[in-house]
Amino acid sequence: MTAQPASLPAEDEKLVTLAKGARGRAGAAEGAAVRDQDGRTYAAATVRLPSFSLTAVQAAVATAVASGAEELEAVVLFGSTSADEVSIAAARDMSAPLLIAVGPDGAIGETLTW
């Protein structure tokens, strides 16, 4: 884990905005947004159905993969100051070198790089 930045670059702030919007539209606890190797962005919220569930990061990664993304540049989780292990694993599966968790108040929480 690296030190927490005072602010994020504009391209990562865009991901925060997209993740916050996905969370709000779905009325979910968390939203996530990812940026792929071509700069395209994808956003999703936590999915909870009787037959299956996905974290917001898993749902955003799945959307990116279904759209043809082969690699991710960054992942933002909005609504929690830390990411759970399955969300981290989903980001790593797509070689995302950066995962930023942002709390519901907009404060930057955990920032993971690998």
PDB file of N, CA and C in Angstrom:
ATOM      1  N   MET A   1       0.846  -1.172   0.000  1.00  0.00           N
ATOM      2  CA  MET A   1       0.000   0.000   0.000  1.00  0.00           C
ATOM      3  C   MET A   1       0.891   1.234   0.000  1.00  0.00           C
ATOM      4  N   THR A   2       0.462   2.262  -0.722  1.00  0.00           N
ATOM      5  CA  THR A   2       1.238   3.487  -0.798  1.00  0.00           C
ATOM      6  C   THR A   2       0.603   4.575   0.052  1.00  0.00           C
ATOM      7  N   ALA A   3       1.301   5.685   0.218  1.00  0.00           N
ATOM      8  CA  ALA A   3       0.771   6.817   0.969  1.00  0.00           C
ATOM      9  C   ALA A   3      -0.449   7.397   0.264  1.00  0.00           C
ATOM     10  N   GLN A   4      -1.327   7.991   1.051  1.00  0.00           N
ATOM     11  CA  GLN A   4      -2.556   8.560   0.511  1.00  0.00           C
ATOM     12  C   GLN A   4      -2.265   9.899  -0.171  1.00  0.00           C
ATOM     13  N   PRO A   5      -2.704  10.080  -1.415  1.00  0.00           N
ATOM     14  CA  PRO A   5      -2.495  11.362  -2.081  1.00  0.00           C
ATOM     15  C   PRO A   5      -3.436  12.417  -1.519  1.00  0.00           C
ATOM     16  N   ALA A   6      -3.001  13.684  -1.543  1.00  0.00           N
ATOM     17  CA  ALA A   6      -3.854  14.770  -1.072  1.00  0.00           C
ATOM     18  C   ALA A   6      -5.034  14.965  -2.014  1.00  0.00           C
ATOM     19  N   SER A   7      -4.804  14.770  -3.290  1.00  0.00           N
ATOM     20  CA  SER A   7      -5.871  14.859  -4.282  1.00  0.00           C
ATOM     21  C   SER A   7      -5.522  13.899  -5.414  1.00  0.00           C
ATOM     22  N   LEU A   8      -6.509  13.660  -6.257  1.00  0.00           N
ATOM     23  CA  LEU A   8      -6.314  12.714  -7.353  1.00  0.00           C
ATOM     24  C   LEU A   8      -6.134  13.442  -8.674  1.00  0.00           C
ATOM     25  N   PRO A   9      -5.443  12.816  -9.622  1.00  0.00           N
ATOM     26  CA  PRO A   9      -5.367  13.384 -10.969  1.00  0.00           C
ATOM     27  C   PRO A   9      -6.776  13.455 -11.572  1.00  0.00           C
ATOM     28  N   ALA A  10      -6.967  14.338 -12.529  1.00  0.00           N
ATOM     29  CA  ALA A  10      -8.284  14.553 -13.143  1.00  0.00           C
ATOM     30  C   ALA A  10      -8.882  13.266 -13.701  1.00  0.00           C
ATOM     31  N   GLU A  11      -8.064  12.419 -14.310  1.00  0.00           N
ATOM     32  CA  GLU A  11      -8.598  11.184 -14.896  1.00  0.00           C
ATOM     33  C   GLU A  11      -9.121  10.229 -13.816  1.00  0.00           C
ATOM     34  N   ASP A  12      -8.523  10.256 -12.627  1.00  0.00           N
ATOM     35  CA  ASP A  12      -9.018   9.429 -11.529  1.00  0.00           C
ATOM     36  C   ASP A  12     -10.222  10.082 -10.848  1.00  0.00           C
ATOM     37  N   GLU A  13     -10.247  11.407 -10.805  1.00  0.00           N
ATOM     38  CA  GLU A  13     -11.427  12.111 -10.275  1.00  0.00           C
ATOM     39  C   GLU A  13     -12.664  11.781 -11.120  1.00  0.00           C
ATOM     40  N   LYS A  14     -12.472  11.641 -12.428  1.00  0.00           N
ATOM     41  CA  LYS A  14     -13.584  11.247 -13.304  1.00  0.00           C
ATOM     42  C   LYS A  14     -14.120   9.886 -12.887  1.00  0.00           C
ATOM     43  N   LEU A  15     -13.234   8.962 -12.549  1.00  0.00           N
ATOM     44  CA  LEU A  15     -13.673   7.645 -12.092  1.00  0.00           C
ATOM     45  C   LEU A  15     -14.454   7.750 -10.782  1.00  0.00           C
ATOM     46  N   VAL A  16     -14.027   8.632  -9.884  1.00  0.00           N
ATOM     47  CA  VAL A  16     -14.756   8.845  -8.625  1.00  0.00           C
ATOM     48  C   VAL A  16     -16.170   9.319  -8.934  1.00  0.00           C
ATOM     49  N   THR A  17     -16.311  10.277  -9.846  1.00  0.00           N
ATOM     50  CA  THR A  17     -17.622  10.804 -10.216  1.00  0.00           C
ATOM     51  C   THR A  17     -18.503   9.714 -10.818  1.00  0.00           C
ATOM     52  N   LEU A  18     -17.932   8.894 -11.699  1.00  0.00           N
ATOM     53  CA  LEU A  18     -18.698   7.807 -12.322  1.00  0.00           C
ATOM     54  C   LEU A  18     -19.125   6.764 -11.284  1.00  0.00           C
ATOM     55  N   ALA A  19     -18.226   6.410 -10.382  1.00  0.00           N
ATOM     56  CA  ALA A  19     -18.542   5.420  -9.347  1.00  0.00           C
ATOM     57  C   ALA A  19     -19.615   5.941  -8.397  1.00  0.00           C
ATOM     58  N   LYS A  20     -19.520   7.202  -8.038  1.00  0.00           N
ATOM     59  CA  LYS A  20     -20.520   7.816  -7.160  1.00  0.00           C
ATOM     60  C   LYS A  20     -21.884   7.825  -7.845  1.00  0.00           C
ATOM     61  N   GLY A  21     -21.906   8.137  -9.123  1.00  0.00           N
ATOM     62  CA  GLY A  21     -23.154   8.141  -9.879  1.00  0.00           C
ATOM     63  C   GLY A  21     -23.778   6.763  -9.981  1.00  0.00           C
ATOM     64  N   ALA A  22     -22.960   5.745 -10.227  1.00  0.00           N
ATOM     65  CA  ALA A  22     -23.470   4.365 -10.305  1.00  0.00           C
ATOM     66  C   ALA A  22     -24.065   3.944  -8.975  1.00  0.00           C
ATOM     67  N   ARG A  23     -23.399   4.293  -7.895  1.00  0.00           N
ATOM     68  CA  ARG A  23     -23.894   3.980  -6.546  1.00  0.00           C
ATOM     69  C   ARG A  23     -25.237   4.644  -6.309  1.00  0.00           C
ATOM     70  N   GLY A  24     -25.334   5.913  -6.670  1.00  0.00           N
ATOM     71  CA  GLY A  24     -26.569   6.660  -6.454  1.00  0.00           C
ATOM     72  C   GLY A  24     -27.731   6.142  -7.286  1.00  0.00           C
ATOM     73  N   ARG A  25     -27.503   5.860  -8.558  1.00  0.00           N
ATOM     74  CA  ARG A  25     -28.570   5.353  -9.438  1.00  0.00           C
ATOM     75  C   ARG A  25     -29.140   4.037  -8.939  1.00  0.00           C
ATOM     76  N   ALA A  26     -28.262   3.177  -8.434  1.00  0.00           N
ATOM     77  CA  ALA A  26     -28.699   1.854  -7.990  1.00  0.00           C
ATOM     78  C   ALA A  26     -29.172   1.853  -6.533  1.00  0.00           C
ATOM     79  N   GLY A  27     -28.891   2.926  -5.823  1.00  0.00           N
ATOM     80  CA  GLY A  27     -29.225   2.955  -4.401  1.00  0.00           C
ATOM     81  C   GLY A  27     -28.423   1.906  -3.640  1.00  0.00           C
ATOM     82  N   ALA A  28     -27.213   1.658  -4.104  1.00  0.00           N
ATOM     83  CA  ALA A  28     -26.367   0.618  -3.524  1.00  0.00           C
ATOM     84  C   ALA A  28     -25.404   1.208  -2.494  1.00  0.00           C
ATOM     85  N   ALA A  29     -24.815   0.328  -1.717  1.00  0.00           N
ATOM     86  CA  ALA A  29     -23.830   0.759  -0.728  1.00  0.00           C
ATOM     87  C   ALA A  29     -22.535   1.226  -1.387  1.00  0.00           C
ATOM     88  N   GLU A  30     -22.202   0.612  -2.533  1.00  0.00           N
ATOM     89  CA  GLU A  30     -20.953   0.939  -3.208  1.00  0.00           C
ATOM     90  C   GLU A  30     -21.140   1.040  -4.712  1.00  0.00           C
ATOM     91  N   GLY A  31     -20.322   1.862  -5.324  1.00  0.00           N
ATOM     92  CA  GLY A  31     -20.232   1.961  -6.772  1.00  0.00           C
ATOM     93  C   GLY A  31     -18.769   1.857  -7.148  1.00  0.00           C
ATOM     94  N   ALA A  32     -18.504   1.493  -8.382  1.00  0.00           N
ATOM     95  CA  ALA A  32     -17.119   1.400  -8.843  1.00  0.00           C
ATOM     96  C   ALA A  32     -17.042   1.862 -10.285  1.00  0.00           C
ATOM     97  N   ALA A  33     -15.866   2.321 -10.653  1.00  0.00           N
ATOM     98  CA  ALA A  33     -15.601   2.689 -12.039  1.00  0.00           C
ATOM     99  C   ALA A  33     -14.182   2.255 -12.373  1.00  0.00           C
ATOM    100  N   VAL A  34     -13.999   1.852 -13.616  1.00  0.00           N
ATOM    101  CA  VAL A  34     -12.691   1.398 -14.086  1.00  0.00           C
ATOM    102  C   VAL A  34     -12.364   2.101 -15.396  1.00  0.00           C
ATOM    103  N   ARG A  35     -11.057   2.211 -15.674  1.00  0.00           N
ATOM    104  CA  ARG A  35     -10.584   2.769 -16.944  1.00  0.00           C
ATOM    105  C   ARG A  35      -9.728   1.702 -17.606  1.00  0.00           C
ATOM    106  N   ASP A  36     -10.033   1.409 -18.880  1.00  0.00           N
ATOM    107  CA  ASP A  36      -9.277   0.360 -19.564  1.00  0.00           C
ATOM    108  C   ASP A  36      -8.046   0.917 -20.273  1.00  0.00           C
ATOM    109  N   GLN A  37      -7.332   0.030 -20.950  1.00  0.00           N
ATOM    110  CA  GLN A  37      -6.073   0.382 -21.602  1.00  0.00           C
ATOM    111  C   GLN A  37      -6.234   1.408 -22.711  1.00  0.00           C
ATOM    112  N   ASP A  38      -7.457   1.577 -23.214  1.00  0.00           N
ATOM    113  CA  ASP A  38      -7.719   2.552 -24.271  1.00  0.00           C
ATOM    114  C   ASP A  38      -8.347   3.835 -23.740  1.00  0.00           C
ATOM    115  N   GLY A  39      -8.483   3.947 -22.416  1.00  0.00           N
ATOM    116  CA  GLY A  39      -9.063   5.139 -21.808  1.00  0.00           C
ATOM    117  C   GLY A  39     -10.574   5.101 -21.672  1.00  0.00           C
ATOM    118  N   ARG A  40     -11.203   4.019 -22.109  1.00  0.00           N
ATOM    119  CA  ARG A  40     -12.661   3.894 -21.951  1.00  0.00           C
ATOM    120  C   ARG A  40     -12.987   3.629 -20.490  1.00  0.00           C
ATOM    121  N   THR A  41     -14.138   4.123 -20.044  1.00  0.00           N
ATOM    122  CA  THR A  41     -14.533   3.951 -18.652  1.00  0.00           C
ATOM    123  C   THR A  41     -15.826   3.147 -18.554  1.00  0.00           C
ATOM    124  N   TYR A  42     -15.945   2.441 -17.444  1.00  0.00           N
ATOM    125  CA  TYR A  42     -17.114   1.610 -17.173  1.00  0.00           C
ATOM    126  C   TYR A  42     -17.456   1.777 -15.697  1.00  0.00           C
ATOM    127  N   ALA A  43     -18.734   1.832 -15.381  1.00  0.00           N
ATOM    128  CA  ALA A  43     -19.155   1.997 -13.992  1.00  0.00           C
ATOM    129  C   ALA A  43     -20.268   1.019 -13.668  1.00  0.00           C
ATOM    130  N   ALA A  44     -20.337   0.631 -12.415  1.00  0.00           N
ATOM    131  CA  ALA A  44     -21.366  -0.298 -11.956  1.00  0.00           C
ATOM    132  C   ALA A  44     -21.518  -0.152 -10.445  1.00  0.00           C
ATOM    133  N   ALA A  45     -22.575  -0.742  -9.930  1.00  0.00           N
ATOM    134  CA  ALA A  45     -22.831  -0.743  -8.491  1.00  0.00           C
ATOM    135  C   ALA A  45     -22.895  -2.181  -7.997  1.00  0.00           C
ATOM    136  N   THR A  46     -22.904  -2.329  -6.697  1.00  0.00           N
ATOM    137  CA  THR A  46     -23.047  -3.639  -6.074  1.00  0.00           C
ATOM    138  C   THR A  46     -24.318  -4.311  -6.583  1.00  0.00           C
ATOM    139  N   VAL A  47     -24.243  -5.609  -6.862  1.00  0.00           N
ATOM    140  CA  VAL A  47     -25.392  -6.394  -7.332  1.00  0.00           C
ATOM    141  C   VAL A  47     -25.719  -7.431  -6.266  1.00  0.00           C
ATOM    142  N   ARG A  48     -26.944  -7.422  -5.789  1.00  0.00           N
ATOM    143  CA  ARG A  48     -27.401  -8.415  -4.819  1.00  0.00           C
ATOM    144  C   ARG A  48     -28.725  -8.988  -5.308  1.00  0.00           C
ATOM    145  N   LEU A  49     -28.678 -10.220  -5.801  1.00  0.00           N
ATOM    146  CA  LEU A  49     -29.866 -10.931  -6.259  1.00  0.00           C
ATOM    147  C   LEU A  49     -29.962 -12.247  -5.496  1.00  0.00           C
ATOM    148  N   PRO A  50     -31.144 -12.851  -5.475  1.00  0.00           N
ATOM    149  CA  PRO A  50     -31.253 -14.126  -4.763  1.00  0.00           C
ATOM    150  C   PRO A  50     -30.293 -15.198  -5.297  1.00  0.00           C
ATOM    151  N   SER A  51     -30.019 -15.186  -6.590  1.00  0.00           N
ATOM    152  CA  SER A  51     -29.198 -16.244  -7.169  1.00  0.00           C
ATOM    153  C   SER A  51     -27.698 -15.932  -7.203  1.00  0.00           C
ATOM    154  N   PHE A  52     -27.299 -14.671  -7.085  1.00  0.00           N
ATOM    155  CA  PHE A  52     -25.873 -14.337  -7.074  1.00  0.00           C
ATOM    156  C   PHE A  52     -25.666 -12.907  -6.612  1.00  0.00           C
ATOM    157  N   SER A  53     -24.418 -12.588  -6.291  1.00  0.00           N
ATOM    158  CA  SER A  53     -24.071 -11.218  -5.926  1.00  0.00           C
ATOM    159  C   SER A  53     -22.677 -10.892  -6.465  1.00  0.00           C
ATOM    160  N   LEU A  54     -22.476  -9.612  -6.730  1.00  0.00           N
ATOM    161  CA  LEU A  54     -21.186  -9.108  -7.201  1.00  0.00           C
ATOM    162  C   LEU A  54     -20.847  -7.855  -6.406  1.00  0.00           C
ATOM    163  N   THR A  55     -19.583  -7.690  -6.090  1.00  0.00           N
ATOM    164  CA  THR A  55     -19.167  -6.409  -5.540  1.00  0.00           C
ATOM    165  C   THR A  55     -19.240  -5.379  -6.666  1.00  0.00           C
ATOM    166  N   ALA A  56     -19.226  -4.117  -6.316  1.00  0.00           N
ATOM    167  CA  ALA A  56     -19.251  -3.070  -7.336  1.00  0.00           C
ATOM    168  C   ALA A  56     -18.040  -3.191  -8.256  1.00  0.00           C
ATOM    169  N   VAL A  57     -16.880  -3.507  -7.696  1.00  0.00           N
ATOM    170  CA  VAL A  57     -15.674  -3.656  -8.520  1.00  0.00           C
ATOM    171  C   VAL A  57     -15.831  -4.843  -9.458  1.00  0.00           C
ATOM    172  N   GLN A  58     -16.319  -5.975  -8.968  1.00  0.00           N
ATOM    173  CA  GLN A  58     -16.529  -7.131  -9.841  1.00  0.00           C
ATOM    174  C   GLN A  58     -17.486  -6.777 -10.985  1.00  0.00           C
ATOM    175  N   ALA A  59     -18.564  -6.058 -10.680  1.00  0.00           N
ATOM    176  CA  ALA A  59     -19.541  -5.691 -11.711  1.00  0.00           C
ATOM    177  C   ALA A  59     -18.927  -4.749 -12.739  1.00  0.00           C
ATOM    178  N   ALA A  60     -18.129  -3.774 -12.297  1.00  0.00           N
ATOM    179  CA  ALA A  60     -17.481  -2.846 -13.238  1.00  0.00           C
ATOM    180  C   ALA A  60     -16.450  -3.578 -14.093  1.00  0.00           C
ATOM    181  N   VAL A  61     -15.689  -4.473 -13.486  1.00  0.00           N
ATOM    182  CA  VAL A  61     -14.707  -5.254 -14.236  1.00  0.00           C
ATOM    183  C   VAL A  61     -15.423  -6.137 -15.254  1.00  0.00           C
ATOM    184  N   ALA A  62     -16.503  -6.786 -14.846  1.00  0.00           N
ATOM    185  CA  ALA A  62     -17.266  -7.642 -15.765  1.00  0.00           C
ATOM    186  C   ALA A  62     -17.801  -6.838 -16.948  1.00  0.00           C
ATOM    187  N   THR A  63     -18.271  -5.630 -16.699  1.00  0.00           N
ATOM    188  CA  THR A  63     -18.764  -4.771 -17.773  1.00  0.00           C
ATOM    189  C   THR A  63     -17.634  -4.429 -18.746  1.00  0.00           C
ATOM    190  N   ALA A  64     -16.467  -4.113 -18.205  1.00  0.00           N
ATOM    191  CA  ALA A  64     -15.319  -3.796 -19.057  1.00  0.00           C
ATOM    192  C   ALA A  64     -14.914  -5.002 -19.903  1.00  0.00           C
ATOM    193  N   VAL A  65     -14.845  -6.166 -19.280  1.00  0.00           N
ATOM    194  CA  VAL A  65     -14.463  -7.381 -20.002  1.00  0.00           C
ATOM    195  C   VAL A  65     -15.486  -7.697 -21.090  1.00  0.00           C
ATOM    196  N   ALA A  66     -16.766  -7.566 -20.764  1.00  0.00           N
ATOM    197  CA  ALA A  66     -17.827  -7.846 -21.738  1.00  0.00           C
ATOM    198  C   ALA A  66     -17.787  -6.867 -22.911  1.00  0.00           C
ATOM    199  N   SER A  67     -17.162  -5.716 -22.705  1.00  0.00           N
ATOM    200  CA  SER A  67     -17.034  -4.715 -23.768  1.00  0.00           C
ATOM    201  C   SER A  67     -15.710  -4.834 -24.517  1.00  0.00           C
ATOM    202  N   GLY A  68     -14.907  -5.825 -24.174  1.00  0.00           N
ATOM    203  CA  GLY A  68     -13.672  -6.068 -24.911  1.00  0.00           C
ATOM    204  C   GLY A  68     -12.394  -5.591 -24.252  1.00  0.00           C
ATOM    205  N   ALA A  69     -12.471  -5.042 -23.047  1.00  0.00           N
ATOM    206  CA  ALA A  69     -11.251  -4.592 -22.372  1.00  0.00           C
ATOM    207  C   ALA A  69     -10.369  -5.785 -22.052  1.00  0.00           C
ATOM    208  N   GLU A  70      -9.080  -5.605 -22.250  1.00  0.00           N
ATOM    209  CA  GLU A  70      -8.117  -6.660 -21.947  1.00  0.00           C
ATOM    210  C   GLU A  70      -7.272  -6.343 -20.728  1.00  0.00           C
ATOM    211  N   GLU A  71      -7.221  -5.072 -20.366  1.00  0.00           N
ATOM    212  CA  GLU A  71      -6.408  -4.629 -19.245  1.00  0.00           C
ATOM    213  C   GLU A  71      -7.008  -3.346 -18.692  1.00  0.00           C
ATOM    214  N   LEU A  72      -6.828  -3.112 -17.399  1.00  0.00           N
ATOM    215  CA  LEU A  72      -7.327  -1.886 -16.774  1.00  0.00           C
ATOM    216  C   LEU A  72      -6.164  -1.040 -16.283  1.00  0.00           C
ATOM    217  N   GLU A  73      -6.351   0.276 -16.361  1.00  0.00           N
ATOM    218  CA  GLU A  73      -5.346   1.209 -15.855  1.00  0.00           C
ATOM    219  C   GLU A  73      -5.612   1.592 -14.407  1.00  0.00           C
ATOM    220  N   ALA A  74      -6.898   1.689 -14.037  1.00  0.00           N
ATOM    221  CA  ALA A  74      -7.244   2.134 -12.689  1.00  0.00           C
ATOM    222  C   ALA A  74      -8.637   1.667 -12.329  1.00  0.00           C
ATOM    223  N   VAL A  75      -8.845   1.504 -11.018  1.00  0.00           N
ATOM    224  CA  VAL A  75     -10.134   1.107 -10.461  1.00  0.00           C
ATOM    225  C   VAL A  75     -10.422   2.029  -9.287  1.00  0.00           C
ATOM    226  N   VAL A  76     -11.656   2.540  -9.218  1.00  0.00           N
ATOM    227  CA  VAL A  76     -12.090   3.337  -8.073  1.00  0.00           C
ATOM    228  C   VAL A  76     -13.311   2.680  -7.468  1.00  0.00           C
ATOM    229  N   LEU A  77     -13.274   2.514  -6.161  1.00  0.00           N
ATOM    230  CA  LEU A  77     -14.407   2.016  -5.384  1.00  0.00           C
ATOM    231  C   LEU A  77     -14.934   3.181  -4.578  1.00  0.00           C
ATOM    232  N   PHE A  78     -16.226   3.508  -4.731  1.00  0.00           N
ATOM    233  CA  PHE A  78     -16.819   4.618  -3.982  1.00  0.00           C
ATOM    234  C   PHE A  78     -17.820   4.069  -2.976  1.00  0.00           C
ATOM    235  N   GLY A  79     -17.704   4.515  -1.733  1.00  0.00           N
ATOM    236  CA  GLY A  79     -18.640   4.115  -0.698  1.00  0.00           C
ATOM    237  C   GLY A  79     -17.986   3.371   0.446  1.00  0.00           C
ATOM    238  N   SER A  80     -16.701   3.103   0.340  1.00  0.00           N
ATOM    239  CA  SER A  80     -15.950   2.391   1.368  1.00  0.00           C
ATOM    240  C   SER A  80     -14.511   2.884   1.353  1.00  0.00           C
ATOM    241  N   THR A  81     -13.901   2.951   2.512  1.00  0.00           N
ATOM    242  CA  THR A  81     -12.517   3.421   2.568  1.00  0.00           C
ATOM    243  C   THR A  81     -11.502   2.305   2.377  1.00  0.00           C
ATOM    244  N   SER A  82     -11.996   1.070   2.177  1.00  0.00           N
ATOM    245  CA  SER A  82     -11.090  -0.033   1.871  1.00  0.00           C
ATOM    246  C   SER A  82     -11.815  -1.047   0.992  1.00  0.00           C
ATOM    247  N   ALA A  83     -11.057  -1.768   0.204  1.00  0.00           N
ATOM    248  CA  ALA A  83     -11.622  -2.763  -0.708  1.00  0.00           C
ATOM    249  C   ALA A  83     -11.503  -4.153  -0.101  1.00  0.00           C
ATOM    250  N   ASP A  84     -12.502  -4.999  -0.370  1.00  0.00           N
ATOM    251  CA  ASP A  84     -12.431  -6.371   0.120  1.00  0.00           C
ATOM    252  C   ASP A  84     -11.563  -7.212  -0.815  1.00  0.00           C
ATOM    253  N   GLU A  85     -11.241  -8.400  -0.373  1.00  0.00           N
ATOM    254  CA  GLU A  85     -10.307  -9.255  -1.114  1.00  0.00           C
ATOM    255  C   GLU A  85     -10.811  -9.631  -2.511  1.00  0.00           C
ATOM    256  N   VAL A  86     -12.120  -9.882  -2.672  1.00  0.00           N
ATOM    257  CA  VAL A  86     -12.608 -10.271  -4.001  1.00  0.00           C
ATOM    258  C   VAL A  86     -12.547  -9.095  -4.970  1.00  0.00           C
ATOM    259  N   SER A  87     -12.737  -7.885  -4.482  1.00  0.00           N
ATOM    260  CA  SER A  87     -12.604  -6.709  -5.345  1.00  0.00           C
ATOM    261  C   SER A  87     -11.149  -6.505  -5.754  1.00  0.00           C
ATOM    262  N   ILE A  88     -10.257  -6.674  -4.797  1.00  0.00           N
ATOM    263  CA  ILE A  88      -8.832  -6.561  -5.100  1.00  0.00           C
ATOM    264  C   ILE A  88      -8.431  -7.622  -6.121  1.00  0.00           C
ATOM    265  N   ALA A  89      -8.920  -8.836  -5.939  1.00  0.00           N
ATOM    266  CA  ALA A  89      -8.599  -9.918  -6.874  1.00  0.00           C
ATOM    267  C   ALA A  89      -9.112  -9.608  -8.280  1.00  0.00           C
ATOM    268  N   ALA A  90     -10.312  -9.040  -8.390  1.00  0.00           N
ATOM    269  CA  ALA A  90     -10.865  -8.692  -9.705  1.00  0.00           C
ATOM    270  C   ALA A  90      -9.997  -7.646 -10.393  1.00  0.00           C
ATOM    271  N   ALA A  91      -9.533  -6.647  -9.637  1.00  0.00           N
ATOM    272  CA  ALA A  91      -8.651  -5.619 -10.205  1.00  0.00           C
ATOM    273  C   ALA A  91      -7.335  -6.240 -10.664  1.00  0.00           C
ATOM    274  N   ARG A  92      -6.790  -7.112  -9.847  1.00  0.00           N
ATOM    275  CA  ARG A  92      -5.523  -7.760 -10.206  1.00  0.00           C
ATOM    276  C   ARG A  92      -5.677  -8.680 -11.413  1.00  0.00           C
ATOM    277  N   ASP A  93      -6.829  -9.364 -11.522  1.00  0.00           N
ATOM    278  CA  ASP A  93      -7.071 -10.231 -12.676  1.00  0.00           C
ATOM    279  C   ASP A  93      -6.933  -9.468 -13.990  1.00  0.00           C
ATOM    280  N   MET A  94      -7.268  -8.185 -13.954  1.00  0.00           N
ATOM    281  CA  MET A  94      -7.210  -7.354 -15.152  1.00  0.00           C
ATOM    282  C   MET A  94      -5.953  -6.484 -15.196  1.00  0.00           C
ATOM    283  N   SER A  95      -4.971  -6.839 -14.378  1.00  0.00           N
ATOM    284  CA  SER A  95      -3.677  -6.150 -14.342  1.00  0.00           C
ATOM    285  C   SER A  95      -3.784  -4.669 -14.015  1.00  0.00           C
ATOM    286  N   ALA A  96      -4.842  -4.275 -13.293  1.00  0.00           N
ATOM    287  CA  ALA A  96      -4.980  -2.870 -12.895  1.00  0.00           C
ATOM    288  C   ALA A  96      -3.910  -2.547 -11.850  1.00  0.00           C
ATOM    289  N   PRO A  97      -3.017  -1.606 -12.116  1.00  0.00           N
ATOM    290  CA  PRO A  97      -1.952  -1.312 -11.175  1.00  0.00           C
ATOM    291  C   PRO A  97      -2.377  -0.405 -10.020  1.00  0.00           C
ATOM    292  N   LEU A  98      -3.638   0.060 -10.034  1.00  0.00           N
ATOM    293  CA  LEU A  98      -4.085   1.046  -9.052  1.00  0.00           C
ATOM    294  C   LEU A  98      -5.526   0.784  -8.659  1.00  0.00           C
ATOM    295  N   LEU A  99      -5.797   0.741  -7.349  1.00  0.00           N
ATOM    296  CA  LEU A  99      -7.157   0.670  -6.829  1.00  0.00           C
ATOM    297  C   LEU A  99      -7.278   1.717  -5.734  1.00  0.00           C
ATOM    298  N   ILE A 100      -8.251   2.611  -5.892  1.00  0.00           N
ATOM    299  CA  ILE A 100      -8.459   3.690  -4.942  1.00  0.00           C
ATOM    300  C   ILE A 100      -9.832   3.503  -4.305  1.00  0.00           C
ATOM    301  N   ALA A 101      -9.889   3.477  -2.977  1.00  0.00           N
ATOM    302  CA  ALA A 101     -11.154   3.405  -2.258  1.00  0.00           C
ATOM    303  C   ALA A 101     -11.477   4.802  -1.733  1.00  0.00           C
ATOM    304  N   VAL A 102     -12.715   5.235  -1.961  1.00  0.00           N
ATOM    305  CA  VAL A 102     -13.157   6.561  -1.560  1.00  0.00           C
ATOM    306  C   VAL A 102     -14.398   6.390  -0.692  1.00  0.00           C
ATOM    307  N   GLY A 103     -14.366   6.956   0.498  1.00  0.00           N
ATOM    308  CA  GLY A 103     -15.484   6.838   1.426  1.00  0.00           C
ATOM    309  C   GLY A 103     -16.712   7.583   0.950  1.00  0.00           C
ATOM    310  N   PRO A 104     -17.868   7.326   1.593  1.00  0.00           N
ATOM    311  CA  PRO A 104     -19.118   7.972   1.205  1.00  0.00           C
ATOM    312  C   PRO A 104     -19.062   9.499   1.302  1.00  0.00           C
ATOM    313  N   ASP A 105     -18.148  10.003   2.128  1.00  0.00           N
ATOM    314  CA  ASP A 105     -18.001  11.452   2.278  1.00  0.00           C
ATOM    315  C   ASP A 105     -17.048  12.047   1.245  1.00  0.00           C
ATOM    316  N   GLY A 106     -16.517  11.197   0.365  1.00  0.00           N
ATOM    317  CA  GLY A 106     -15.594  11.663  -0.672  1.00  0.00           C
ATOM    318  C   GLY A 106     -14.138  11.670  -0.260  1.00  0.00           C
ATOM    319  N   ALA A 107     -13.866  11.276   0.988  1.00  0.00           N
ATOM    320  CA  ALA A 107     -12.479  11.242   1.462  1.00  0.00           C
ATOM    321  C   ALA A 107     -11.757  10.038   0.863  1.00  0.00           C
ATOM    322  N   ILE A 108     -10.550  10.269   0.385  1.00  0.00           N
ATOM    323  CA  ILE A 108      -9.743   9.192  -0.160  1.00  0.00           C
ATOM    324  C   ILE A 108      -9.308   8.284   0.973  1.00  0.00           C
ATOM    325  N   GLY A 109      -9.594   7.008   0.825  1.00  0.00           N
ATOM    326  CA  GLY A 109      -9.198   6.021   1.831  1.00  0.00           C
ATOM    327  C   GLY A 109      -7.979   5.273   1.362  1.00  0.00           C
ATOM    328  N   GLU A 110      -8.126   3.973   1.281  1.00  0.00           N
ATOM    329  CA  GLU A 110      -7.042   3.086   0.883  1.00  0.00           C
ATOM    330  C   GLU A 110      -6.678   3.282  -0.587  1.00  0.00           C
ATOM    331  N   THR A 111      -5.391   3.360  -0.861  1.00  0.00           N
ATOM    332  CA  THR A 111      -4.889   3.395  -2.234  1.00  0.00           C
ATOM    333  C   THR A 111      -3.901   2.257  -2.374  1.00  0.00           C
ATOM    334  N   LEU A 112      -4.247   1.308  -3.232  1.00  0.00           N
ATOM    335  CA  LEU A 112      -3.397   0.132  -3.426  1.00  0.00           C
ATOM    336  C   LEU A 112      -2.721   0.189  -4.784  1.00  0.00           C
ATOM    337  N   THR A 113      -1.447  -0.111  -4.799  1.00  0.00           N
ATOM    338  CA  THR A 113      -0.713  -0.274  -6.052  1.00  0.00           C
ATOM    339  C   THR A 113       0.059  -1.574  -5.965  1.00  0.00           C
ATOM    340  N   TRP A 114       0.301  -2.182  -7.100  1.00  0.00           N
ATOM    341  CA  TRP A 114       1.098  -3.418  -7.141  1.00  0.00           C
ATOM    342  C   TRP A 114       1.776  -3.543  -8.468  1.00  0.00           C
TER     343      TRP A 114
END
